[in-house]
Protein backbone atom coordinates (compact mmCIF):
# COMPACT_ATOMS: atom_id res chain seq x y z
CA MET A 1 -56.98 166.42 24.60
CA LEU A 2 -59.76 164.85 22.52
CA ALA A 3 -58.00 163.96 19.27
CA THR A 4 -54.48 163.95 17.85
CA LYS A 5 -52.65 163.63 14.52
CA LEU A 6 -55.15 165.61 12.45
CA GLN A 7 -53.75 166.90 9.17
CA ALA A 8 -54.15 170.65 8.48
CA PRO A 9 -57.56 170.85 10.20
CA TRP A 10 -59.57 174.01 9.58
CA SER A 11 -63.06 173.80 11.05
CA VAL A 12 -64.90 171.72 13.66
CA VAL A 13 -68.65 171.41 14.20
CA ARG A 14 -70.52 169.48 16.87
CA LEU A 15 -73.59 167.38 16.03
CA GLU A 16 -76.72 166.82 18.09
CA SER A 17 -75.62 163.20 18.51
CA GLY A 18 -72.56 164.32 20.49
CA ALA A 19 -70.13 163.51 17.68
CA ALA A 20 -68.15 166.18 15.82
CA LEU A 21 -66.93 166.67 12.27
CA ILE A 22 -63.60 168.24 11.30
CA SER A 23 -62.46 169.51 7.90
CA GLU A 24 -58.89 168.75 6.79
CA ARG A 25 -57.92 171.54 4.40
CA ASP A 26 -55.27 169.96 2.21
CA ALA A 27 -56.68 166.45 1.73
CA GLY A 28 -60.28 167.64 1.41
CA THR A 29 -61.47 165.05 3.91
CA ILE A 30 -64.12 165.14 6.64
CA VAL A 31 -63.08 163.42 9.88
CA GLU A 32 -65.47 162.25 12.60
CA TYR A 33 -64.68 162.47 16.30
CA SER A 34 -66.97 160.20 18.33
CA ASN A 35 -66.63 158.48 21.70
CA GLY A 36 -62.94 159.23 21.93
CA SER A 37 -62.02 157.89 18.48
CA ILE A 38 -61.33 159.36 15.04
CA ARG A 39 -62.37 158.03 11.65
CA THR A 40 -62.53 159.41 8.10
CA VAL A 41 -66.08 160.08 6.96
CA GLY A 42 -65.21 160.83 3.35
CA LYS A 43 -63.59 163.13 0.85
CA VAL A 44 -65.41 166.19 -0.45
CA ASP A 45 -65.33 165.95 -4.23
CA GLY A 46 -63.90 168.91 -6.13
CA VAL A 47 -61.56 170.30 -3.45
CA VAL A 48 -58.30 171.69 -4.85
CA HIS A 49 -55.66 172.60 -2.26
CA ASP A 50 -53.40 175.57 -3.06
CA GLN A 51 -51.54 177.13 -0.10
CA GLU A 52 -54.37 178.60 2.05
CA GLY A 53 -57.10 177.22 -0.22
CA GLY A 54 -58.80 173.85 0.15
CA LEU A 55 -61.55 172.48 2.36
CA LEU A 56 -62.30 175.28 4.82
CA GLY A 57 -65.40 176.05 6.90
CA LEU A 58 -68.20 173.70 7.94
CA ALA A 59 -71.71 174.26 9.26
CA VAL A 60 -74.56 171.92 10.13
CA LEU A 61 -78.30 172.35 9.60
CA ASN A 62 -80.90 170.07 11.15
CA SER A 63 -84.19 170.47 9.28
CA GLY A 64 -85.74 167.02 9.39
CA ALA A 65 -82.69 165.69 7.57
CA THR A 66 -79.19 166.74 8.63
CA TYR A 67 -77.10 168.65 6.12
CA LEU A 68 -73.38 169.38 6.25
CA TYR A 69 -72.37 172.62 4.56
CA ALA A 70 -68.80 173.15 3.36
CA TYR A 71 -66.86 176.09 1.93
CA TYR A 72 -64.05 174.97 -0.36
CA THR A 73 -61.65 175.96 -3.09
CA SER A 74 -62.24 174.24 -6.42
CA ALA A 75 -60.22 174.35 -9.63
CA SER A 76 -62.00 177.56 -10.67
CA ASP A 77 -63.43 179.32 -7.61
CA ASN A 78 -64.40 179.23 -3.96
CA ARG A 79 -67.86 177.77 -3.42
CA ILE A 80 -70.35 176.61 -0.81
CA VAL A 81 -72.01 173.21 -1.02
CA ARG A 82 -74.30 171.15 1.13
CA MET A 83 -74.40 167.37 1.56
CA PRO A 84 -76.83 165.12 3.40
CA LEU A 85 -75.16 163.65 6.46
CA LEU A 86 -76.12 159.99 6.60
CA GLY A 87 -75.78 157.36 9.31
CA SER A 88 -75.05 157.69 13.01
CA PRO A 89 -72.06 158.21 15.32
CA GLY A 90 -69.25 155.89 14.30
CA SER A 91 -70.66 155.37 10.82
CA TYR A 92 -71.46 158.78 9.33
CA SER A 93 -71.18 159.18 5.55
CA LEU A 94 -71.72 162.01 3.06
CA GLY A 95 -74.47 162.12 0.47
CA PRO A 96 -74.15 163.86 -2.90
CA GLN A 97 -73.26 167.54 -2.80
CA THR A 98 -75.42 170.38 -4.05
CA VAL A 99 -73.72 173.67 -4.91
CA ILE A 100 -75.58 176.57 -3.28
CA LEU A 101 -73.08 179.33 -4.18
CA LYS A 102 -70.22 179.39 -6.66
CA GLY A 103 -68.08 181.94 -8.46
CA LEU A 104 -66.34 183.44 -5.43
CA GLU A 105 -62.88 184.53 -6.54
CA LYS A 106 -60.09 182.34 -5.14
CA ALA A 107 -56.39 182.93 -4.53
CA SER A 108 -53.46 181.29 -2.75
CA ASN A 109 -54.55 183.25 0.34
CA HIS A 110 -57.32 185.62 1.59
CA ASN A 111 -60.06 183.10 0.83
CA GLY A 112 -62.08 183.73 3.99
CA GLY A 113 -64.01 180.50 4.45
CA ARG A 114 -65.97 180.54 7.71
CA LEU A 115 -69.57 179.31 7.70
CA ALA A 116 -72.12 179.65 10.50
CA PHE A 117 -75.88 179.59 10.91
CA GLY A 118 -77.19 182.60 12.79
CA PRO A 119 -80.00 182.74 15.32
CA ASP A 120 -82.21 183.93 12.44
CA GLY A 121 -81.74 180.59 10.65
CA LYS A 122 -79.73 182.19 7.83
CA LEU A 123 -76.33 180.94 6.64
CA TYR A 124 -73.48 183.45 6.97
CA ALA A 125 -70.15 183.15 5.14
CA THR A 126 -66.91 185.12 5.33
CA VAL A 127 -65.26 185.79 1.97
CA GLY A 128 -61.76 187.27 1.64
CA ASP A 129 -60.63 189.75 -0.98
CA ALA A 130 -58.60 186.99 -2.75
CA THR A 131 -55.56 189.35 -2.84
CA GLU A 132 -57.42 192.08 -4.79
CA PRO A 133 -58.21 194.72 -2.12
CA ASP A 134 -60.50 196.85 -4.32
CA ARG A 135 -63.03 194.00 -4.42
CA ALA A 136 -63.81 194.68 -0.77
CA GLN A 137 -65.30 198.11 -1.63
CA SER A 138 -67.23 196.97 -4.71
CA LEU A 139 -70.80 195.86 -4.08
CA ALA A 140 -70.67 194.16 -7.48
CA SER A 141 -68.22 191.62 -6.01
CA LEU A 142 -68.94 189.06 -3.30
CA ASN A 143 -65.28 189.06 -2.23
CA GLY A 144 -64.15 191.02 0.81
CA LYS A 145 -67.61 190.58 2.34
CA ILE A 146 -69.69 188.83 4.96
CA LEU A 147 -72.57 187.16 3.12
CA ARG A 148 -76.03 186.20 4.39
CA MET A 149 -78.19 183.67 2.57
CA ASN A 150 -81.10 181.30 2.96
CA PRO A 151 -80.14 177.64 3.50
CA ASP A 152 -80.63 176.98 -0.23
CA GLY A 153 -78.28 179.83 -1.19
CA SER A 154 -80.98 182.29 -2.24
CA VAL A 155 -81.05 185.95 -1.15
CA PRO A 156 -83.14 186.77 1.94
CA VAL A 157 -85.71 189.45 1.26
CA ASP A 158 -84.51 191.49 4.26
CA ASN A 159 -80.84 191.68 3.26
CA PRO A 160 -79.49 195.26 3.33
CA PHE A 161 -78.85 195.46 -0.43
CA PRO A 162 -81.88 194.21 -2.41
CA GLY A 163 -81.10 191.15 -4.51
CA SER A 164 -77.60 190.80 -3.05
CA LEU A 165 -76.08 188.31 -0.62
CA VAL A 166 -73.83 191.07 0.78
CA TYR A 167 -74.45 191.68 4.48
CA SER A 168 -71.38 193.83 5.23
CA TYR A 169 -68.40 194.92 3.16
CA GLY A 170 -64.93 196.46 3.32
CA HIS A 171 -63.37 193.28 4.77
CA ARG A 172 -59.88 191.95 4.01
CA ASN A 173 -59.97 188.34 5.23
CA PRO A 174 -62.55 187.68 7.95
CA GLN A 175 -62.48 184.16 9.41
CA GLY A 176 -64.50 184.26 12.64
CA LEU A 177 -68.25 184.61 13.20
CA ALA A 178 -70.20 184.54 16.47
CA TRP A 179 -73.41 185.97 17.91
CA ASP A 180 -73.76 187.28 21.44
CA SER A 181 -76.71 186.65 23.76
CA ASN A 182 -78.63 189.55 22.17
CA GLY A 183 -78.30 188.07 18.68
CA GLN A 184 -75.66 190.63 17.65
CA LEU A 185 -73.13 189.37 15.08
CA TRP A 186 -69.39 189.83 15.67
CA ALA A 187 -66.45 188.90 13.42
CA SER A 188 -62.68 188.53 13.62
CA GLU A 189 -60.55 189.67 10.69
CA PHE A 190 -56.94 189.42 9.53
CA GLY A 191 -55.20 192.73 8.97
CA GLN A 192 -52.32 193.19 6.56
CA ASP A 193 -49.17 194.54 8.21
CA THR A 194 -50.45 196.43 11.23
CA TRP A 195 -53.83 195.68 12.81
CA ASP A 196 -56.07 192.64 13.20
CA GLU A 197 -59.68 193.38 14.06
CA PHE A 198 -62.65 192.36 16.22
CA ASN A 199 -65.74 193.91 14.66
CA ARG A 200 -69.36 194.42 15.65
CA ILE A 201 -71.17 193.69 12.40
CA GLU A 202 -74.14 195.79 11.32
CA PRO A 203 -76.07 195.09 8.11
CA GLY A 204 -75.03 197.20 5.15
CA LYS A 205 -72.05 198.81 6.87
CA ASN A 206 -68.58 199.41 5.40
CA TYR A 207 -65.62 198.20 7.50
CA GLY A 208 -63.01 200.16 5.61
CA TRP A 209 -60.59 197.83 3.86
CA PRO A 210 -58.41 198.71 1.96
CA THR A 211 -58.74 202.42 2.89
CA VAL A 212 -58.54 201.74 6.63
CA GLU A 213 -56.82 198.98 8.60
CA GLY A 214 -57.73 198.93 12.28
CA ILE A 215 -59.16 201.98 14.05
CA GLY A 216 -59.01 204.84 11.57
CA ASN A 217 -61.66 207.29 12.78
CA GLN A 218 -62.68 208.03 9.21
CA ALA A 219 -66.19 209.05 8.24
CA GLY A 220 -68.17 206.42 6.35
CA PHE A 221 -66.30 203.44 7.85
CA VAL A 222 -67.05 201.38 10.95
CA ASP A 223 -64.05 201.01 13.26
CA PRO A 224 -63.30 197.72 15.02
CA VAL A 225 -64.16 197.45 18.70
CA LEU A 226 -60.70 196.00 19.33
CA GLU A 227 -57.45 195.80 17.38
CA TRP A 228 -54.23 193.83 17.84
CA SER A 229 -50.86 193.85 16.15
CA THR A 230 -50.65 191.00 13.66
CA ASP A 231 -47.99 189.14 15.68
CA GLN A 232 -50.37 189.02 18.66
CA ALA A 233 -53.35 187.57 16.86
CA SER A 234 -53.88 186.69 13.17
CA PRO A 235 -57.38 185.72 14.30
CA SER A 236 -59.35 182.84 12.87
CA GLY A 237 -62.18 181.09 14.76
CA LEU A 238 -64.51 182.87 17.18
CA CYS A 239 -67.24 181.73 19.58
CA PHE A 240 -69.39 183.12 22.39
CA VAL A 241 -70.05 181.26 25.65
CA ASP A 242 -71.80 182.60 28.76
CA GLY A 243 -71.12 186.28 28.15
CA THR A 244 -67.55 185.86 26.87
CA PHE A 245 -66.03 185.72 23.38
CA PHE A 246 -63.18 183.33 22.68
CA MET A 247 -60.98 184.09 19.65
CA VAL A 248 -58.08 181.94 18.48
CA GLY A 249 -54.85 183.29 16.98
CA LEU A 250 -52.60 181.67 14.38
CA ARG A 251 -49.45 183.77 14.34
CA GLY A 252 -50.26 184.94 17.88
CA GLN A 253 -50.48 181.32 19.08
CA ARG A 254 -52.92 182.12 21.86
CA LEU A 255 -56.57 182.16 22.84
CA TRP A 256 -58.01 185.64 23.31
CA VAL A 257 -60.74 185.99 25.94
CA ILE A 258 -62.88 189.05 25.25
CA GLN A 259 -65.45 190.94 27.29
CA THR A 260 -67.28 193.61 25.33
CA ASN A 261 -68.84 195.83 28.00
CA PRO A 262 -66.34 197.33 28.42
CA ALA A 263 -64.02 195.87 25.75
CA ASP A 264 -61.42 194.06 27.83
CA PRO A 265 -59.30 191.29 26.22
CA THR A 266 -56.94 188.92 28.01
CA ASP A 267 -55.03 185.98 26.55
CA TRP A 268 -54.57 182.34 27.55
CA PHE A 269 -52.04 179.65 26.56
CA SER A 270 -49.61 181.96 24.72
CA GLY A 271 -47.29 179.69 22.71
CA GLU A 272 -48.40 176.58 24.59
CA TYR A 273 -50.20 174.79 21.76
CA GLY A 274 -48.82 176.61 18.72
CA ARG A 275 -51.14 177.96 16.02
CA LEU A 276 -54.85 177.88 16.83
CA ARG A 277 -57.42 177.76 14.00
CA ASP A 278 -60.93 177.22 15.40
CA VAL A 279 -62.85 177.40 18.68
CA ILE A 280 -66.42 176.27 19.39
CA PRO A 281 -68.64 175.78 22.45
CA GLY A 282 -68.22 172.30 23.92
CA PRO A 283 -70.39 170.32 26.33
CA ASN A 284 -70.53 170.79 30.10
CA ASN A 285 -69.01 174.28 30.36
CA THR A 286 -66.10 173.68 27.98
CA ILE A 287 -64.77 175.03 24.72
CA TRP A 288 -63.11 172.97 21.99
CA VAL A 289 -60.01 174.38 20.29
CA LEU A 290 -58.47 173.14 17.05
CA THR A 291 -54.72 173.58 16.59
CA ASN A 292 -53.19 174.27 13.16
CA ASN A 293 -49.49 173.39 13.20
CA THR A 294 -49.42 171.01 10.21
CA ASP A 295 -50.55 173.62 7.68
CA GLY A 296 -47.02 174.41 6.47
CA ARG A 297 -46.54 177.44 8.70
CA GLY A 298 -46.37 175.85 12.12
CA ASP A 299 -43.85 173.80 14.07
CA PRO A 300 -45.73 170.54 14.66
CA THR A 301 -45.14 168.16 17.55
CA PRO A 302 -45.63 164.39 17.14
CA GLN A 303 -49.22 164.78 18.44
CA ASP A 304 -50.26 167.57 16.07
CA ASP A 305 -52.70 168.58 15.03
CA ARG A 306 -54.97 168.33 18.06
CA LEU A 307 -58.54 168.91 19.16
CA LEU A 308 -58.38 170.25 22.71
CA GLU A 309 -61.08 170.50 25.36
CA ILE A 310 -60.72 173.42 27.80
CA ARG A 311 -62.89 173.62 30.90
CA LEU A 312 -64.23 177.07 31.77
CA ALA A 313 -64.07 177.51 35.54
CA SER A 314 -65.10 181.17 35.16
CA PRO A 315 -64.80 183.89 32.48
CA GLN A 316 -61.55 185.05 34.13
CA GLU A 317 -59.91 181.68 34.76
CA GLY A 318 -58.11 179.47 32.27
């Protein structure tokens, strides 16, 4: 256990310095974990918490200066901002924010919110349908999509739809992004009443929502590689380490361990740590897992919420 008593944490990112930053959804604060201790870095201005909305995903870009990117719910929309990260471990602070994308529809749930830089240097973002399913099928809307953008928020010239940030569409509420060793993008996605999904993401493809939930075998839509009942998963964070995907479940309260060739999932820690929100590669053959029991839907213990370190003895051993 690395850290305890976090409040509604949502995303964790590691820095080159060895420290890590954690977003706390409801308070809109960034917390630093460094050398076994926790401190508050600062509050992200403009965050408005409403049920599942608030301060959500984080990503870090090192390009001479270090920038922290954040996806958050404001009074009017969901948006993505970047802030210079100043200082050093134990004394990090946030510089002024620059909005790189605004106008994403918000709601009390289905906000998406995951950010990640791909191996191509582009910033990817998951955006939920904000409770209006038809948005997912409309290329005029950025909701219900996975977006791909340059670090300044502009549209890459090689995106599948010219002039658009849309990378893939037909998504309900995707919240996990990870690339395998071949540079292939994968995503985890919340279903509605029946099936949660693990999808292989191809540019310009349609993943079916709201026409299809789970594997539908319908022409024109890409089926997920794997599906789970919603009480087994409700998947959020996703990462890839040494040939294996790790996907955390909220309602499912477990860590899914996924091989893709062939697709063969197993689960670890069912019910042991409660709701799990994020998972990232850690140092020295570990993964870091963020619990999410203080978000109003869990059953928190006195130590919640926690940042856990799990050593990977082998892909088959927990």
